Amino acid sequence: ELMSKASLETRLRGLKPEERLMGLNPEERLIGLKPEEQLIGLKPEDRLMGLNPEQLEEMEAYIKQQKQPKNFRKV
C-alpha cells in the first residue's frame, strides 16, 4: 500500500463532499444510508417520482391504512 490510512484520511478531510463523491454512480452514493436517510431533502412529489400506477396505488393504500385509528387497522 502506497498510502497509509492516516494520509488518506488527511487527503479526504480537505475535500468538499461533492469532491469526495465524484466518480461514484448514484447507487454507490447511497450505500450505507437507511431508506429514510436517502429521502432527506426530497419534496413529497420527488419521493414518488418514477413510480408506476400500480406502485402509486399501493402507496395510496398504505397511506390510507396509516391514517386509520390504530384500533381499526387491519393487521
N, C-alpha and C. Protein backbone atom coordinates (compact mmCIF):
# COMPACT_ATOMS: atom_id res chain seq x y z
N GLU A 1 0.85 -1.18 0.00
CA GLU A 1 0.00 0.00 0.00
C GLU A 1 0.89 1.24 0.00
N LEU A 2 0.68 2.10 -0.98
CA LEU A 2 1.50 3.29 -1.07
C LEU A 2 1.12 4.34 -0.04
N MET A 3 -0.17 4.39 0.29
CA MET A 3 -0.65 5.40 1.23
C MET A 3 -1.08 4.76 2.52
N SER A 4 -0.73 5.38 3.60
CA SER A 4 -1.22 4.88 4.88
C SER A 4 -2.64 5.37 5.08
N LYS A 5 -3.33 4.74 6.00
CA LYS A 5 -4.70 5.14 6.29
C LYS A 5 -4.75 6.59 6.76
N ALA A 6 -3.79 6.99 7.54
CA ALA A 6 -3.76 8.37 8.05
C ALA A 6 -3.62 9.37 6.92
N SER A 7 -2.77 9.09 5.95
CA SER A 7 -2.58 10.06 4.87
C SER A 7 -3.82 10.13 3.99
N LEU A 8 -4.53 9.01 3.81
CA LEU A 8 -5.77 9.01 3.05
C LEU A 8 -6.82 9.85 3.78
N GLU A 9 -6.94 9.67 5.08
CA GLU A 9 -7.89 10.47 5.87
C GLU A 9 -7.54 11.95 5.79
N THR A 10 -6.29 12.28 5.81
CA THR A 10 -5.85 13.67 5.71
C THR A 10 -6.24 14.25 4.36
N ARG A 11 -6.03 13.48 3.29
CA ARG A 11 -6.40 13.95 1.95
C ARG A 11 -7.91 14.16 1.84
N LEU A 12 -8.69 13.22 2.38
CA LEU A 12 -10.15 13.33 2.30
C LEU A 12 -10.68 14.49 3.12
N ARG A 13 -10.06 14.78 4.23
CA ARG A 13 -10.51 15.85 5.11
C ARG A 13 -10.55 17.19 4.39
N GLY A 14 -9.66 17.39 3.45
CA GLY A 14 -9.59 18.65 2.74
C GLY A 14 -10.56 18.77 1.56
N LEU A 15 -11.28 17.69 1.27
CA LEU A 15 -12.18 17.71 0.12
C LEU A 15 -13.60 18.07 0.52
N LYS A 16 -14.31 18.75 -0.38
CA LYS A 16 -15.72 19.04 -0.20
C LYS A 16 -16.49 17.73 -0.43
N PRO A 17 -17.70 17.58 0.16
CA PRO A 17 -18.47 16.34 -0.03
C PRO A 17 -18.65 15.98 -1.50
N GLU A 18 -18.98 16.97 -2.35
CA GLU A 18 -19.18 16.66 -3.76
C GLU A 18 -17.89 16.16 -4.42
N GLU A 19 -16.74 16.61 -3.95
CA GLU A 19 -15.46 16.13 -4.48
C GLU A 19 -15.19 14.70 -4.03
N ARG A 20 -15.58 14.37 -2.81
CA ARG A 20 -15.41 13.00 -2.31
C ARG A 20 -16.25 12.01 -3.10
N LEU A 21 -17.43 12.44 -3.54
CA LEU A 21 -18.37 11.56 -4.23
C LEU A 21 -18.15 11.51 -5.73
N MET A 22 -17.30 12.38 -6.26
CA MET A 22 -17.06 12.43 -7.69
C MET A 22 -16.62 11.06 -8.21
N GLY A 23 -17.24 10.65 -9.31
CA GLY A 23 -16.87 9.37 -9.92
C GLY A 23 -17.71 8.20 -9.46
N LEU A 24 -18.52 8.38 -8.40
CA LEU A 24 -19.39 7.31 -7.95
C LEU A 24 -20.73 7.38 -8.69
N ASN A 25 -21.31 6.22 -8.97
CA ASN A 25 -22.64 6.23 -9.57
C ASN A 25 -23.67 6.41 -8.45
N PRO A 26 -24.92 6.74 -8.80
CA PRO A 26 -25.93 7.01 -7.77
C PRO A 26 -26.10 5.88 -6.75
N GLU A 27 -26.06 4.63 -7.21
CA GLU A 27 -26.22 3.50 -6.29
C GLU A 27 -25.08 3.46 -5.27
N GLU A 28 -23.88 3.76 -5.72
CA GLU A 28 -22.73 3.74 -4.82
C GLU A 28 -22.81 4.87 -3.79
N ARG A 29 -23.40 6.00 -4.17
CA ARG A 29 -23.54 7.12 -3.24
C ARG A 29 -24.49 6.80 -2.11
N LEU A 30 -25.42 5.86 -2.34
CA LEU A 30 -26.44 5.54 -1.34
C LEU A 30 -26.04 4.41 -0.39
N ILE A 31 -24.95 3.72 -0.69
CA ILE A 31 -24.51 2.60 0.14
C ILE A 31 -24.31 3.08 1.58
N GLY A 32 -24.90 2.34 2.51
CA GLY A 32 -24.75 2.65 3.92
C GLY A 32 -25.82 3.58 4.48
N LEU A 33 -26.66 4.16 3.61
CA LEU A 33 -27.72 5.04 4.08
C LEU A 33 -28.99 4.23 4.31
N LYS A 34 -29.72 4.56 5.38
CA LYS A 34 -31.02 3.95 5.64
C LYS A 34 -32.01 4.57 4.65
N PRO A 35 -33.11 3.86 4.34
CA PRO A 35 -34.08 4.41 3.38
C PRO A 35 -34.55 5.82 3.75
N GLU A 36 -34.82 6.06 5.02
CA GLU A 36 -35.28 7.39 5.41
C GLU A 36 -34.19 8.45 5.23
N GLU A 37 -32.93 8.05 5.33
CA GLU A 37 -31.83 8.99 5.11
C GLU A 37 -31.68 9.33 3.63
N GLN A 38 -32.04 8.39 2.76
CA GLN A 38 -31.96 8.62 1.33
C GLN A 38 -32.97 9.66 0.87
N LEU A 39 -34.04 9.84 1.63
CA LEU A 39 -35.12 10.73 1.24
C LEU A 39 -35.01 12.14 1.82
N ILE A 40 -34.05 12.35 2.70
CA ILE A 40 -33.89 13.66 3.33
C ILE A 40 -33.72 14.73 2.25
N GLY A 41 -34.50 15.79 2.38
CA GLY A 41 -34.38 16.91 1.45
C GLY A 41 -35.26 16.80 0.22
N LEU A 42 -35.93 15.65 0.04
CA LEU A 42 -36.80 15.49 -1.13
C LEU A 42 -38.22 15.94 -0.81
N LYS A 43 -38.84 16.63 -1.77
CA LYS A 43 -40.25 17.00 -1.64
C LYS A 43 -41.08 15.74 -1.85
N PRO A 44 -42.32 15.73 -1.31
CA PRO A 44 -43.16 14.53 -1.48
C PRO A 44 -43.29 14.10 -2.95
N GLU A 45 -43.47 15.05 -3.85
CA GLU A 45 -43.62 14.67 -5.26
C GLU A 45 -42.33 14.06 -5.83
N ASP A 46 -41.18 14.49 -5.31
CA ASP A 46 -39.91 13.91 -5.76
C ASP A 46 -39.75 12.49 -5.23
N ARG A 47 -40.27 12.25 -4.03
CA ARG A 47 -40.18 10.90 -3.44
C ARG A 47 -40.96 9.88 -4.25
N LEU A 48 -42.05 10.34 -4.88
CA LEU A 48 -42.92 9.43 -5.63
C LEU A 48 -42.59 9.37 -7.12
N MET A 49 -41.70 10.23 -7.57
CA MET A 49 -41.34 10.28 -8.99
C MET A 49 -40.81 8.92 -9.46
N GLY A 50 -41.28 8.50 -10.61
CA GLY A 50 -40.80 7.26 -11.19
C GLY A 50 -41.62 6.03 -10.82
N LEU A 51 -42.58 6.18 -9.89
CA LEU A 51 -43.42 5.04 -9.54
C LEU A 51 -44.46 4.81 -10.63
N ASN A 52 -44.75 3.55 -10.92
CA ASN A 52 -45.79 3.24 -11.91
C ASN A 52 -47.15 3.31 -11.23
N PRO A 53 -48.25 3.29 -12.00
CA PRO A 53 -49.59 3.41 -11.40
C PRO A 53 -49.88 2.37 -10.31
N GLU A 54 -49.43 1.15 -10.52
CA GLU A 54 -49.65 0.10 -9.51
C GLU A 54 -48.92 0.44 -8.21
N GLN A 55 -47.71 0.91 -8.30
CA GLN A 55 -46.94 1.29 -7.11
C GLN A 55 -47.59 2.48 -6.41
N LEU A 56 -48.11 3.42 -7.19
CA LEU A 56 -48.78 4.58 -6.60
C LEU A 56 -50.04 4.15 -5.85
N GLU A 57 -50.80 3.20 -6.41
CA GLU A 57 -51.99 2.69 -5.74
C GLU A 57 -51.61 1.99 -4.44
N GLU A 58 -50.53 1.24 -4.47
CA GLU A 58 -50.03 0.55 -3.28
C GLU A 58 -49.65 1.57 -2.20
N MET A 59 -49.00 2.64 -2.62
CA MET A 59 -48.59 3.70 -1.70
C MET A 59 -49.83 4.38 -1.10
N GLU A 60 -50.81 4.65 -1.95
CA GLU A 60 -52.04 5.29 -1.50
C GLU A 60 -52.76 4.43 -0.47
N ALA A 61 -52.84 3.12 -0.73
CA ALA A 61 -53.48 2.20 0.22
C ALA A 61 -52.73 2.19 1.55
N TYR A 62 -51.41 2.21 1.49
CA TYR A 62 -50.60 2.24 2.72
C TYR A 62 -50.87 3.52 3.51
N ILE A 63 -50.93 4.65 2.83
CA ILE A 63 -51.17 5.94 3.50
C ILE A 63 -52.55 5.94 4.14
N LYS A 64 -53.56 5.44 3.42
CA LYS A 64 -54.91 5.36 3.98
C LYS A 64 -54.93 4.49 5.23
N GLN A 65 -54.21 3.39 5.19
CA GLN A 65 -54.14 2.48 6.34
C GLN A 65 -53.50 3.19 7.53
N GLN A 66 -52.45 3.96 7.28
CA GLN A 66 -51.74 4.65 8.35
C GLN A 66 -52.59 5.75 8.98
N LYS A 67 -53.54 6.31 8.21
CA LYS A 67 -54.39 7.37 8.72
C LYS A 67 -55.52 6.84 9.60
N GLN A 68 -55.84 5.54 9.48
CA GLN A 68 -56.92 4.96 10.28
C GLN A 68 -56.50 4.91 11.75
N PRO A 69 -57.48 5.07 12.66
CA PRO A 69 -57.15 4.90 14.08
C PRO A 69 -56.59 3.49 14.30
N LYS A 70 -55.62 3.38 15.21
CA LYS A 70 -54.93 2.10 15.43
C LYS A 70 -55.86 0.94 15.71
N ASN A 71 -56.93 1.16 16.49
CA ASN A 71 -57.81 0.05 16.85
C ASN A 71 -58.69 -0.40 15.68
N PHE A 72 -58.70 0.32 14.57
CA PHE A 72 -59.49 -0.06 13.40
C PHE A 72 -58.64 -0.58 12.26
N ARG A 73 -57.35 -0.60 12.42
CA ARG A 73 -56.46 -1.05 11.34
C ARG A 73 -56.53 -2.55 11.15
N LYS A 74 -56.45 -2.94 9.89
CA LYS A 74 -56.33 -4.37 9.57
C LYS A 74 -54.89 -4.75 9.84
N VAL A 75 -54.70 -5.96 10.34
CA VAL A 75 -53.34 -6.43 10.59
C VAL A 75 -52.98 -7.60 9.75
